[in-house]
Every structure is written in structure tokens, then in C-alpha cells.
Amino acid sequence: MAELFAVKIFAGDGEALVKGGGHDYRITLADLEASGIADGCEISEETLAFLTTAEEKLRCIKKSFTYLAYKGHSVRALAQKLKRSGFSDAAIEASVVLLEKKGYLDDYALCAEYAVAIQRQKGYGVLRIKKELYAKGFDRDCIEAAVSELEETPEGLVTEILKKRFPHLDPEDRQARAKATAYLAARGYDYDEINNAISAFKEEE
């Protein structure tokens, strides 16, 4: 007599438990429907392979939610974490596609949110903000779109940073000026902003 599948539905969780081939497979209801499996169906090697893939996919989705519950992730950053957790590329790709479709992953929205937070909390210039966003796993298109929506550097902000960090700066002192310039450049400000700030600092002094 051929072996048969036994299926138990967990509608509230959107999942199903499929028993067959000496193994219990926890999969999504969507994958159950796609498989065509029903209670009492005969077991085939092809179906068992599908169930193995579907089971890993559900585990990958659940692991993704664990990471996302802690903080927002870019698609690339999440995929890297899932890869380190041992999931296959196929499971990661399927999970990411589903999470994007359901709105749990949105690189553009998250990138814009991070850009604003970095500007306001750290006082970084656009160049440093771009570097920070890239380190978080966002691609170039997302980053460019995010920084294009930022408010311009508030007038006088760079000068205020200079005053706090270099209160006794002598703009005529080349070494001191170079040190101040390097500090501001490291914070992501371009040289026009820096030179304008130093000039304003000089006039005030």
C-alpha cells in the first residue's frame, strides 16, 4: 500500500503541518495550495523535495521577522544575516520577495528614515550620510533618493560645529585650518561648506 500524506491546517497562523515520508513539514498555506497536497494524497519524491524547500522557506521567514522585530533592515543586510544563519540562497530570495510584497521590507522608505535620523542626531553632512547608508546595506539608487529629500544643511551649522570643536581656531594658521578641514570633511561636509564656515568664523573673530 502506498504511503499517504496527513495534513493539519492552522488557519490562524497561515500554516499547515504535512506528515509524510517519516517527517513533519511545517509550511505556509500558500505553499500547501501550490503543492496540491491534500489529506490522503500519495507521497512522491518530487513532492517531498517541494516540502523540504517550503519548510526551509517558512523557517527563513520566521527568522527574518525575528531580525526585523529588533530593528529595520535593508534587503541586503537582512539577506546577509540569513545567509550567516545557514539558509540557502533560494530560501532567502523567496523570503525577501514575500516580505517586500507584504510591505515588511521597503528599502526606499527605510533608507529615507535613516538619512533623516543621521542628519538630525549626528549632524553629519551629505557625504558622510551616504557612507553610513551604504554601510547599512542600501544600494546607490536608494541612497541618492534618500539624500535628495534631506533638508539643506542649516545655515551656520558647520560654523557652530567649528566653534564647539575648535573654539580658538586661527583661520590664518595653515596647520590648524587643515586640521579643522579634515575634521569637517570626515563628518561629510563638502569643501565649499567647510571654506564658507571657516570664512564666517574668521569674520566673526
N, C-alpha and C. Protein backbone atom coordinates (compact mmCIF):
# COMPACT_ATOMS: atom_id res chain seq x y z
N MET A 1 0.85 -1.21 0.00
CA MET A 1 0.00 0.00 0.00
C MET A 1 0.88 1.25 0.00
N ALA A 2 0.54 2.20 -0.85
CA ALA A 2 1.34 3.42 -0.96
C ALA A 2 1.21 4.27 0.29
N GLU A 3 2.33 4.95 0.64
CA GLU A 3 2.28 5.87 1.77
C GLU A 3 1.44 7.09 1.42
N LEU A 4 0.76 7.63 2.43
CA LEU A 4 -0.12 8.78 2.22
C LEU A 4 0.27 9.95 3.10
N PHE A 5 -0.05 11.14 2.67
CA PHE A 5 0.17 12.34 3.47
C PHE A 5 -0.99 12.56 4.43
N ALA A 6 -0.65 13.14 5.58
CA ALA A 6 -1.67 13.61 6.52
C ALA A 6 -1.46 15.11 6.66
N VAL A 7 -2.53 15.88 6.57
CA VAL A 7 -2.42 17.33 6.58
C VAL A 7 -3.26 17.93 7.70
N LYS A 8 -2.65 18.83 8.46
CA LYS A 8 -3.38 19.55 9.51
C LYS A 8 -3.23 21.04 9.24
N ILE A 9 -4.33 21.76 9.23
CA ILE A 9 -4.34 23.18 8.91
C ILE A 9 -4.35 24.03 10.18
N PHE A 10 -3.52 25.07 10.19
CA PHE A 10 -3.51 26.06 11.26
C PHE A 10 -3.85 27.41 10.62
N ALA A 11 -5.14 27.62 10.39
CA ALA A 11 -5.59 28.79 9.64
C ALA A 11 -5.18 30.10 10.30
N GLY A 12 -5.23 30.15 11.62
CA GLY A 12 -4.88 31.37 12.33
C GLY A 12 -3.43 31.78 12.14
N ASP A 13 -2.56 30.80 11.92
CA ASP A 13 -1.14 31.07 11.70
C ASP A 13 -0.78 31.16 10.23
N GLY A 14 -1.73 30.80 9.37
CA GLY A 14 -1.43 30.78 7.94
C GLY A 14 -0.48 29.67 7.58
N GLU A 15 -0.53 28.58 8.35
CA GLU A 15 0.41 27.48 8.17
C GLU A 15 -0.30 26.14 8.11
N ALA A 16 0.43 25.13 7.70
CA ALA A 16 -0.09 23.76 7.68
C ALA A 16 1.02 22.81 8.10
N LEU A 17 0.63 21.70 8.71
CA LEU A 17 1.57 20.65 9.08
C LEU A 17 1.29 19.46 8.18
N VAL A 18 2.29 19.07 7.42
CA VAL A 18 2.14 17.95 6.50
C VAL A 18 3.02 16.81 6.99
N LYS A 19 2.40 15.66 7.23
CA LYS A 19 3.14 14.49 7.69
C LYS A 19 3.26 13.51 6.54
N GLY A 20 4.50 13.05 6.32
CA GLY A 20 4.70 12.09 5.25
C GLY A 20 6.16 11.76 5.07
N GLY A 21 6.42 10.54 4.64
CA GLY A 21 7.80 10.13 4.42
C GLY A 21 8.63 10.12 5.69
N GLY A 22 7.96 9.91 6.82
CA GLY A 22 8.67 9.86 8.09
C GLY A 22 9.11 11.21 8.61
N HIS A 23 8.50 12.29 8.12
CA HIS A 23 8.89 13.63 8.54
C HIS A 23 7.66 14.53 8.63
N ASP A 24 7.75 15.52 9.54
CA ASP A 24 6.70 16.52 9.66
C ASP A 24 7.20 17.81 9.01
N TYR A 25 6.42 18.34 8.08
CA TYR A 25 6.80 19.56 7.35
C TYR A 25 5.84 20.70 7.73
N ARG A 26 6.39 21.74 8.32
CA ARG A 26 5.59 22.92 8.63
C ARG A 26 5.79 23.91 7.48
N ILE A 27 4.72 24.22 6.77
CA ILE A 27 4.82 25.08 5.60
C ILE A 27 3.70 26.12 5.62
N THR A 28 3.79 27.12 4.72
CA THR A 28 2.73 28.13 4.63
C THR A 28 1.52 27.53 3.90
N LEU A 29 0.34 28.10 4.17
CA LEU A 29 -0.86 27.66 3.47
C LEU A 29 -0.74 27.92 1.97
N ALA A 30 -0.05 29.02 1.62
CA ALA A 30 0.15 29.32 0.20
C ALA A 30 0.95 28.21 -0.48
N ASP A 31 1.99 27.71 0.19
CA ASP A 31 2.78 26.63 -0.39
C ASP A 31 1.99 25.32 -0.40
N LEU A 32 1.15 25.11 0.60
CA LEU A 32 0.30 23.91 0.61
C LEU A 32 -0.61 23.92 -0.61
N GLU A 33 -1.22 25.07 -0.87
CA GLU A 33 -2.10 25.19 -2.02
C GLU A 33 -1.33 24.98 -3.32
N ALA A 34 -0.12 25.55 -3.38
CA ALA A 34 0.69 25.42 -4.59
C ALA A 34 1.12 23.98 -4.84
N SER A 35 1.28 23.24 -3.77
CA SER A 35 1.76 21.85 -3.89
C SER A 35 0.68 20.90 -4.39
N GLY A 36 -0.58 21.25 -4.14
CA GLY A 36 -1.68 20.37 -4.50
C GLY A 36 -1.86 19.21 -3.53
N ILE A 37 -1.14 19.26 -2.42
CA ILE A 37 -1.23 18.18 -1.43
C ILE A 37 -2.54 18.28 -0.66
N ALA A 38 -3.16 17.15 -0.40
CA ALA A 38 -4.36 17.09 0.43
C ALA A 38 -4.25 15.86 1.33
N ASP A 39 -5.02 15.85 2.37
CA ASP A 39 -5.02 14.72 3.29
C ASP A 39 -5.33 13.44 2.53
N GLY A 40 -4.43 12.45 2.65
CA GLY A 40 -4.65 11.18 1.97
C GLY A 40 -3.99 11.06 0.61
N CYS A 41 -3.29 12.11 0.16
CA CYS A 41 -2.57 12.05 -1.12
C CYS A 41 -1.40 11.08 -1.03
N GLU A 42 -1.08 10.47 -2.16
CA GLU A 42 0.08 9.59 -2.18
C GLU A 42 1.37 10.41 -2.18
N ILE A 43 2.40 9.85 -1.57
CA ILE A 43 3.70 10.52 -1.45
C ILE A 43 4.56 10.23 -2.67
N SER A 44 5.20 11.29 -3.18
CA SER A 44 6.16 11.13 -4.28
C SER A 44 7.46 11.82 -3.89
N GLU A 45 8.55 11.43 -4.52
CA GLU A 45 9.84 12.05 -4.23
C GLU A 45 9.83 13.53 -4.61
N GLU A 46 9.15 13.86 -5.69
CA GLU A 46 9.07 15.25 -6.13
C GLU A 46 8.35 16.11 -5.10
N THR A 47 7.28 15.56 -4.53
CA THR A 47 6.53 16.32 -3.53
C THR A 47 7.33 16.47 -2.25
N LEU A 48 8.06 15.45 -1.88
CA LEU A 48 8.90 15.54 -0.68
C LEU A 48 9.97 16.61 -0.86
N ALA A 49 10.53 16.70 -2.05
CA ALA A 49 11.54 17.73 -2.32
C ALA A 49 10.91 19.12 -2.21
N PHE A 50 9.69 19.27 -2.72
CA PHE A 50 8.99 20.55 -2.63
C PHE A 50 8.75 20.92 -1.16
N LEU A 51 8.34 19.94 -0.37
CA LEU A 51 8.05 20.19 1.04
C LEU A 51 9.32 20.59 1.81
N THR A 52 10.43 19.97 1.47
CA THR A 52 11.70 20.32 2.12
C THR A 52 12.05 21.77 1.86
N THR A 53 11.87 22.19 0.62
CA THR A 53 12.15 23.59 0.24
C THR A 53 11.17 24.54 0.94
N ALA A 54 9.89 24.17 0.96
CA ALA A 54 8.85 25.02 1.56
C ALA A 54 9.06 25.15 3.06
N GLU A 55 9.50 24.07 3.69
CA GLU A 55 9.75 24.10 5.13
C GLU A 55 10.89 25.06 5.47
N GLU A 56 11.98 25.01 4.68
CA GLU A 56 13.09 25.92 4.92
C GLU A 56 12.67 27.36 4.69
N LYS A 57 11.84 27.58 3.68
CA LYS A 57 11.36 28.92 3.39
C LYS A 57 10.59 29.49 4.58
N LEU A 58 9.71 28.71 5.19
CA LEU A 58 8.95 29.20 6.34
C LEU A 58 9.87 29.50 7.52
N ARG A 59 10.85 28.64 7.75
CA ARG A 59 11.80 28.90 8.83
C ARG A 59 12.58 30.19 8.56
N CYS A 60 12.90 30.42 7.30
CA CYS A 60 13.64 31.62 6.91
C CYS A 60 12.77 32.87 7.13
N ILE A 61 11.50 32.78 6.80
CA ILE A 61 10.58 33.91 7.01
C ILE A 61 10.48 34.23 8.50
N LYS A 62 10.35 33.22 9.31
CA LYS A 62 10.23 33.42 10.76
C LYS A 62 11.50 34.03 11.33
N LYS A 63 12.64 33.58 10.83
CA LYS A 63 13.92 34.14 11.28
C LYS A 63 14.01 35.60 10.86
N SER A 64 13.51 35.92 9.68
CA SER A 64 13.51 37.30 9.20
C SER A 64 12.72 38.20 10.13
N PHE A 65 11.55 37.73 10.57
CA PHE A 65 10.73 38.52 11.48
C PHE A 65 11.42 38.73 12.82
N THR A 66 12.22 37.76 13.23
CA THR A 66 12.99 37.92 14.47
C THR A 66 13.96 39.08 14.33
N TYR A 67 14.65 39.15 13.20
CA TYR A 67 15.59 40.24 12.95
C TYR A 67 14.86 41.57 12.80
N LEU A 68 13.75 41.57 12.07
CA LEU A 68 13.02 42.81 11.80
C LEU A 68 12.32 43.35 13.04
N ALA A 69 12.01 42.48 13.99
CA ALA A 69 11.38 42.93 15.23
C ALA A 69 12.37 43.74 16.07
N TYR A 70 13.66 43.46 15.89
CA TYR A 70 14.69 44.17 16.64
C TYR A 70 14.95 45.55 16.05
N LYS A 71 15.04 45.62 14.71
CA LYS A 71 15.24 46.90 14.02
C LYS A 71 15.02 46.71 12.53
N GLY A 72 14.85 47.82 11.82
CA GLY A 72 14.68 47.75 10.38
C GLY A 72 15.96 47.31 9.69
N HIS A 73 15.82 46.57 8.61
CA HIS A 73 16.97 46.09 7.84
C HIS A 73 16.75 46.39 6.37
N SER A 74 17.83 46.69 5.67
CA SER A 74 17.77 46.74 4.22
C SER A 74 17.68 45.30 3.72
N VAL A 75 17.26 45.16 2.47
CA VAL A 75 17.18 43.82 1.87
C VAL A 75 18.54 43.13 1.92
N ARG A 76 19.59 43.87 1.56
CA ARG A 76 20.93 43.27 1.54
C ARG A 76 21.40 42.88 2.93
N ALA A 77 21.17 43.75 3.92
CA ALA A 77 21.61 43.44 5.28
C ALA A 77 20.86 42.22 5.83
N LEU A 78 19.56 42.15 5.57
CA LEU A 78 18.78 41.01 6.04
C LEU A 78 19.25 39.72 5.37
N ALA A 79 19.47 39.79 4.06
CA ALA A 79 19.92 38.60 3.33
C ALA A 79 21.26 38.10 3.85
N GLN A 80 22.15 39.03 4.19
CA GLN A 80 23.45 38.64 4.73
C GLN A 80 23.31 37.93 6.07
N LYS A 81 22.42 38.43 6.91
CA LYS A 81 22.21 37.79 8.22
C LYS A 81 21.61 36.39 8.05
N LEU A 82 20.66 36.27 7.14
CA LEU A 82 20.03 34.97 6.90
C LEU A 82 21.04 33.98 6.34
N LYS A 83 21.93 34.48 5.49
CA LYS A 83 22.96 33.61 4.92
C LYS A 83 23.87 33.09 6.03
N ARG A 84 24.24 33.99 6.95
CA ARG A 84 25.09 33.56 8.07
C ARG A 84 24.36 32.58 8.99
N SER A 85 23.04 32.61 8.98
CA SER A 85 22.26 31.68 9.80
C SER A 85 22.10 30.32 9.13
N GLY A 86 22.64 30.19 7.92
CA GLY A 86 22.67 28.89 7.26
C GLY A 86 21.58 28.62 6.25
N PHE A 87 20.78 29.62 5.90
CA PHE A 87 19.72 29.41 4.93
C PHE A 87 20.27 29.43 3.50
N SER A 88 19.61 28.68 2.63
CA SER A 88 20.04 28.62 1.23
C SER A 88 19.68 29.91 0.51
N ASP A 89 20.35 30.16 -0.61
CA ASP A 89 20.05 31.35 -1.41
C ASP A 89 18.60 31.34 -1.89
N ALA A 90 18.11 30.16 -2.26
CA ALA A 90 16.73 30.05 -2.75
C ALA A 90 15.73 30.42 -1.67
N ALA A 91 15.95 29.96 -0.44
CA ALA A 91 15.04 30.26 0.66
C ALA A 91 15.09 31.74 1.00
N ILE A 92 16.28 32.32 0.97
CA ILE A 92 16.44 33.74 1.27
C ILE A 92 15.73 34.59 0.23
N GLU A 93 15.94 34.26 -1.04
CA GLU A 93 15.31 35.04 -2.11
C GLU A 93 13.78 34.97 -2.02
N ALA A 94 13.26 33.76 -1.78
CA ALA A 94 11.81 33.59 -1.69
C ALA A 94 11.25 34.37 -0.50
N SER A 95 11.97 34.35 0.61
CA SER A 95 11.52 35.05 1.82
C SER A 95 11.53 36.56 1.60
N VAL A 96 12.59 37.07 1.01
CA VAL A 96 12.72 38.51 0.76
C VAL A 96 11.62 39.00 -0.18
N VAL A 97 11.37 38.25 -1.23
CA VAL A 97 10.32 38.62 -2.19
C VAL A 97 8.97 38.70 -1.49
N LEU A 98 8.68 37.73 -0.65
CA LEU A 98 7.40 37.72 0.07
C LEU A 98 7.31 38.88 1.05
N LEU A 99 8.39 39.15 1.79
CA LEU A 99 8.38 40.24 2.76
C LEU A 99 8.25 41.60 2.10
N GLU A 100 8.86 41.75 0.92
CA GLU A 100 8.71 43.00 0.17
C GLU A 100 7.27 43.16 -0.32
N LYS A 101 6.71 42.07 -0.81
CA LYS A 101 5.34 42.10 -1.33
C LYS A 101 4.35 42.46 -0.22
N LYS A 102 4.60 41.97 0.99
CA LYS A 102 3.70 42.23 2.12
C LYS A 102 3.99 43.56 2.81
N GLY A 103 5.04 44.26 2.38
CA GLY A 103 5.35 45.56 2.94
C GLY A 103 6.22 45.55 4.19
N TYR A 104 6.78 44.40 4.53
CA TYR A 104 7.64 44.32 5.70
C TYR A 104 9.07 44.77 5.39
N LEU A 105 9.42 44.77 4.13
CA LEU A 105 10.72 45.27 3.68
C LEU A 105 10.47 46.37 2.65
N ASP A 106 11.03 47.54 2.89
CA ASP A 106 10.90 48.67 1.96
C ASP A 106 12.17 49.49 2.05
N ASP A 107 13.11 49.19 1.16
CA ASP A 107 14.43 49.83 1.22
C ASP A 107 14.33 51.35 1.06
N TYR A 108 13.49 51.81 0.17
CA TYR A 108 13.41 53.26 -0.07
C TYR A 108 12.92 54.00 1.17
N ALA A 109 11.86 53.50 1.77
CA ALA A 109 11.30 54.15 2.96
C ALA A 109 12.28 54.09 4.13
N LEU A 110 12.90 52.94 4.34
CA LEU A 110 13.82 52.78 5.46
C LEU A 110 15.07 53.63 5.27
N CYS A 111 15.57 53.69 4.05
CA CYS A 111 16.76 54.47 3.76
C CYS A 111 16.50 55.95 4.04
N ALA A 112 15.35 56.45 3.62
CA ALA A 112 14.98 57.85 3.86
C ALA A 112 14.87 58.13 5.35
N GLU A 113 14.32 57.17 6.08
CA GLU A 113 14.16 57.32 7.54
C GLU A 113 15.53 57.40 8.22
N TYR A 114 16.43 56.52 7.82
CA TYR A 114 17.78 56.53 8.39
C TYR A 114 18.52 57.83 8.04
N ALA A 115 18.36 58.31 6.81
CA ALA A 115 19.05 59.52 6.37
C ALA A 115 18.67 60.71 7.25
N VAL A 116 17.38 60.86 7.50
CA VAL A 116 16.91 61.96 8.35
C VAL A 116 17.45 61.82 9.77
N ALA A 117 17.42 60.60 10.30
CA ALA A 117 17.89 60.36 11.67
C ALA A 117 19.38 60.67 11.80
N ILE A 118 20.17 60.26 10.82
CA ILE A 118 21.62 60.52 10.86
C ILE A 118 21.90 62.01 10.80
N GLN A 119 21.18 62.71 9.94
CA GLN A 119 21.39 64.15 9.82
C GLN A 119 21.04 64.88 11.11
N ARG A 120 19.91 64.51 11.71
CA ARG A 120 19.44 65.21 12.90
C ARG A 120 20.20 64.83 14.17
N GLN A 121 20.50 63.56 14.30
CA GLN A 121 21.11 63.08 15.54
C GLN A 121 22.63 63.24 15.57
N LYS A 122 23.25 63.08 14.41
CA LYS A 122 24.72 63.12 14.37
C LYS A 122 25.28 64.39 13.74
N GLY A 123 24.41 65.14 13.06
CA GLY A 123 24.87 66.37 12.44
C GLY A 123 25.84 66.15 11.31
N TYR A 124 25.71 65.03 10.61
CA TYR A 124 26.63 64.73 9.52
C TYR A 124 26.19 65.44 8.24
N GLY A 125 27.17 65.68 7.36
CA GLY A 125 26.90 66.22 6.04
C GLY A 125 26.51 65.11 5.09
N VAL A 126 26.12 65.49 3.88
CA VAL A 126 25.59 64.53 2.90
C VAL A 126 26.58 63.42 2.57
N LEU A 127 27.85 63.74 2.41
CA LEU A 127 28.83 62.72 2.04
C LEU A 127 28.94 61.64 3.11
N ARG A 128 28.95 62.04 4.38
CA ARG A 128 29.05 61.06 5.47
C ARG A 128 27.74 60.29 5.61
N ILE A 129 26.63 60.95 5.37
CA ILE A 129 25.34 60.26 5.44
C ILE A 129 25.28 59.15 4.39
N LYS A 130 25.76 59.45 3.19
CA LYS A 130 25.80 58.44 2.14
C LYS A 130 26.65 57.23 2.56
N LYS A 131 27.78 57.51 3.16
CA LYS A 131 28.68 56.45 3.61
C LYS A 131 28.00 55.57 4.67
N GLU A 132 27.31 56.22 5.60
CA GLU A 132 26.61 55.49 6.66
C GLU A 132 25.49 54.61 6.07
N LEU A 133 24.78 55.14 5.10
CA LEU A 133 23.68 54.39 4.49
C LEU A 133 24.20 53.20 3.70
N TYR A 134 25.32 53.39 3.03
CA TYR A 134 25.90 52.29 2.27
C TYR A 134 26.33 51.16 3.22
N ALA A 135 26.86 51.55 4.36
CA ALA A 135 27.29 50.55 5.35
C ALA A 135 26.11 49.75 5.90
N LYS A 136 24.92 50.33 5.82
CA LYS A 136 23.72 49.64 6.30
C LYS A 136 23.12 48.73 5.23
N GLY A 137 23.73 48.74 4.04
CA GLY A 137 23.31 47.79 3.02
C GLY A 137 22.39 48.32 1.94
N PHE A 138 22.20 49.64 1.88
CA PHE A 138 21.33 50.21 0.86
C PHE A 138 22.09 50.39 -0.46
N ASP A 139 21.37 50.28 -1.57
CA ASP A 139 22.04 50.46 -2.86
C ASP A 139 22.08 51.94 -3.24
N ARG A 140 22.81 52.23 -4.32
CA ARG A 140 23.06 53.62 -4.72
C ARG A 140 21.77 54.38 -5.02
N ASP A 141 20.84 53.72 -5.71
CA ASP A 141 19.59 54.40 -6.07
C ASP A 141 18.81 54.83 -4.83
N CYS A 142 18.73 53.94 -3.86
CA CYS A 142 18.01 54.26 -2.61
C CYS A 142 18.69 55.42 -1.89
N ILE A 143 20.01 55.38 -1.83
CA ILE A 143 20.77 56.40 -1.11
C ILE A 143 20.60 57.77 -1.78
N GLU A 144 20.73 57.80 -3.09
CA GLU A 144 20.60 59.07 -3.81
C GLU A 144 19.19 59.65 -3.63
N ALA A 145 18.19 58.79 -3.67
CA ALA A 145 16.81 59.25 -3.49
C ALA A 145 16.60 59.78 -2.08
N ALA A 146 17.19 59.10 -1.10
CA ALA A 146 17.02 59.49 0.30
C ALA A 146 17.67 60.84 0.59
N VAL A 147 18.91 61.02 0.14
CA VAL A 147 19.61 62.27 0.46
C VAL A 147 19.04 63.45 -0.33
N SER A 148 18.41 63.16 -1.47
CA SER A 148 17.83 64.25 -2.25
C SER A 148 16.64 64.88 -1.54
N GLU A 149 16.05 64.15 -0.59
CA GLU A 149 14.90 64.65 0.14
C GLU A 149 15.28 65.31 1.47
N LEU A 150 16.57 65.27 1.81
CA LEU A 150 17.00 65.87 3.06
C LEU A 150 16.93 67.40 2.99
N GLU A 151 16.74 67.99 4.15
CA GLU A 151 16.81 69.44 4.21
C GLU A 151 18.25 69.87 3.97
N GLU A 152 18.42 71.04 3.42
CA GLU A 152 19.78 71.55 3.22
C GLU A 152 20.42 71.76 4.58
N THR A 153 21.77 71.72 4.59
CA THR A 153 22.48 71.97 5.84
C THR A 153 22.06 73.33 6.38
N PRO A 154 21.51 73.39 7.60
CA PRO A 154 21.07 74.68 8.15
C PRO A 154 22.21 75.69 8.14
N GLU A 155 21.90 76.90 7.72
CA GLU A 155 22.91 77.94 7.66
C GLU A 155 23.53 78.14 9.05
N GLY A 156 24.83 78.17 9.09
CA GLY A 156 25.52 78.39 10.36
C GLY A 156 25.84 77.12 11.13
N LEU A 157 25.27 75.95 10.70
CA LEU A 157 25.50 74.71 11.45
C LEU A 157 26.98 74.33 11.45
N VAL A 158 27.61 74.39 10.28
CA VAL A 158 29.02 73.99 10.21
C VAL A 158 29.88 74.95 11.02
N THR A 159 29.52 76.22 11.03
CA THR A 159 30.25 77.20 11.83
C THR A 159 30.11 76.88 13.31
N GLU A 160 28.91 76.46 13.72
CA GLU A 160 28.70 76.10 15.12
C GLU A 160 29.53 74.89 15.52
N ILE A 161 29.64 73.94 14.60
CA ILE A 161 30.48 72.76 14.87
C ILE A 161 31.93 73.18 15.05
N LEU A 162 32.36 74.09 14.20
CA LEU A 162 33.73 74.61 14.31
C LEU A 162 33.97 75.25 15.67
N LYS A 163 33.00 76.07 16.11
CA LYS A 163 33.14 76.77 17.39
C LYS A 163 33.26 75.80 18.56
N LYS A 164 32.48 74.73 18.49
CA LYS A 164 32.49 73.76 19.59
C LYS A 164 33.77 72.93 19.59
N ARG A 165 34.21 72.55 18.40
CA ARG A 165 35.37 71.66 18.30
C ARG A 165 36.69 72.42 18.30
N PHE A 166 36.69 73.60 17.66
CA PHE A 166 37.91 74.39 17.55
C PHE A 166 37.63 75.84 17.96
N PRO A 167 37.34 76.07 19.23
CA PRO A 167 36.94 77.41 19.68
C PRO A 167 38.01 78.49 19.48
N HIS A 168 39.25 78.09 19.42
CA HIS A 168 40.34 79.07 19.28
C HIS A 168 41.02 78.98 17.91
N LEU A 169 40.27 78.51 16.93
CA LEU A 169 40.83 78.35 15.60
C LEU A 169 41.31 79.69 15.02
N ASP A 170 42.52 79.67 14.52
CA ASP A 170 43.06 80.82 13.79
C ASP A 170 43.05 80.45 12.31
N PRO A 171 42.10 80.99 11.52
CA PRO A 171 42.00 80.63 10.11
C PRO A 171 43.26 80.90 9.30
N GLU A 172 44.15 81.74 9.83
CA GLU A 172 45.40 82.04 9.12
C GLU A 172 46.47 80.99 9.40
N ASP A 173 46.23 80.17 10.42
CA ASP A 173 47.19 79.11 10.77
C ASP A 173 46.90 77.91 9.87
N ARG A 174 47.78 77.64 8.91
CA ARG A 174 47.54 76.59 7.92
C ARG A 174 47.35 75.22 8.56
N GLN A 175 48.16 74.94 9.56
CA GLN A 175 48.07 73.62 10.21
C GLN A 175 46.74 73.47 10.94
N ALA A 176 46.35 74.54 11.66
CA ALA A 176 45.09 74.49 12.39
C ALA A 176 43.92 74.42 11.42
N ARG A 177 44.02 75.18 10.33
CA ARG A 177 42.96 75.19 9.33
C ARG A 177 42.83 73.80 8.68
N ALA A 178 43.95 73.17 8.39
CA ALA A 178 43.94 71.85 7.77
C ALA A 178 43.31 70.82 8.70
N LYS A 179 43.61 70.94 10.00
CA LYS A 179 43.04 70.02 10.99
C LYS A 179 41.53 70.18 11.07
N ALA A 180 41.06 71.42 11.08
CA ALA A 180 39.63 71.69 11.14
C ALA A 180 38.93 71.20 9.87
N THR A 181 39.58 71.43 8.74
CA THR A 181 39.02 70.99 7.46
C THR A 181 38.88 69.48 7.42
N ALA A 182 39.91 68.78 7.88
CA ALA A 182 39.89 67.32 7.88
C ALA A 182 38.77 66.79 8.78
N TYR A 183 38.59 67.45 9.92
CA TYR A 183 37.54 67.03 10.85
C TYR A 183 36.16 67.17 10.22
N LEU A 184 35.89 68.32 9.60
CA LEU A 184 34.59 68.55 8.98
C LEU A 184 34.38 67.66 7.76
N ALA A 185 35.45 67.43 7.01
CA ALA A 185 35.34 66.55 5.83
C ALA A 185 34.98 65.14 6.27
N ALA A 186 35.55 64.70 7.39
CA ALA A 186 35.26 63.37 7.92
C ALA A 186 33.80 63.25 8.35
N ARG A 187 33.19 64.38 8.68
CA ARG A 187 31.78 64.38 9.07
C ARG A 187 30.86 64.53 7.86
N GLY A 188 31.44 64.56 6.67
CA GLY A 188 30.64 64.52 5.46
C GLY A 188 30.31 65.83 4.82
N TYR A 189 30.97 66.91 5.23
CA TYR A 189 30.70 68.21 4.62
C TYR A 189 31.64 68.43 3.44
N ASP A 190 31.12 69.07 2.39
CA ASP A 190 31.97 69.31 1.24
C ASP A 190 32.83 70.55 1.48
N TYR A 191 33.79 70.75 0.59
CA TYR A 191 34.79 71.79 0.84
C TYR A 191 34.22 73.20 0.70
N ASP A 192 33.18 73.37 -0.08
CA ASP A 192 32.54 74.68 -0.16
C ASP A 192 31.92 75.04 1.19
N GLU A 193 31.21 74.07 1.78
CA GLU A 193 30.60 74.30 3.09
C GLU A 193 31.67 74.60 4.14
N ILE A 194 32.75 73.83 4.07
CA ILE A 194 33.83 74.00 5.05
C ILE A 194 34.51 75.36 4.90
N ASN A 195 34.85 75.74 3.68
CA ASN A 195 35.51 77.03 3.46
C ASN A 195 34.62 78.20 3.84
N ASN A 196 33.32 78.06 3.54
CA ASN A 196 32.38 79.12 3.93
C ASN A 196 32.30 79.25 5.45
N ALA A 197 32.33 78.10 6.13
CA ALA A 197 32.25 78.11 7.59
C ALA A 197 33.51 78.74 8.19
N ILE A 198 34.65 78.39 7.65
CA ILE A 198 35.90 78.95 8.16
C ILE A 198 35.97 80.46 7.88
N SER A 199 35.46 80.86 6.74
CA SER A 199 35.43 82.29 6.39
C SER A 199 34.50 83.03 7.35
N ALA A 200 33.36 82.45 7.64
CA ALA A 200 32.42 83.06 8.58
C ALA A 200 33.03 83.12 9.97
N PHE A 201 33.77 82.10 10.31
CA PHE A 201 34.44 82.02 11.61
C PHE A 201 35.47 83.15 11.69
N LYS A 202 36.20 83.34 10.60
CA LYS A 202 37.23 84.37 10.56
C LYS A 202 36.64 85.76 10.71
N GLU A 203 35.52 85.99 9.99
CA GLU A 203 34.88 87.30 10.05
C GLU A 203 34.39 87.61 11.46
N GLU A 204 33.82 86.58 12.12
CA GLU A 204 33.30 86.77 13.45
C GLU A 204 34.42 87.06 14.43
N GLU A 205 35.54 86.33 14.25
CA GLU A 205 36.68 86.53 15.13
C GLU A 205 37.22 87.93 14.97
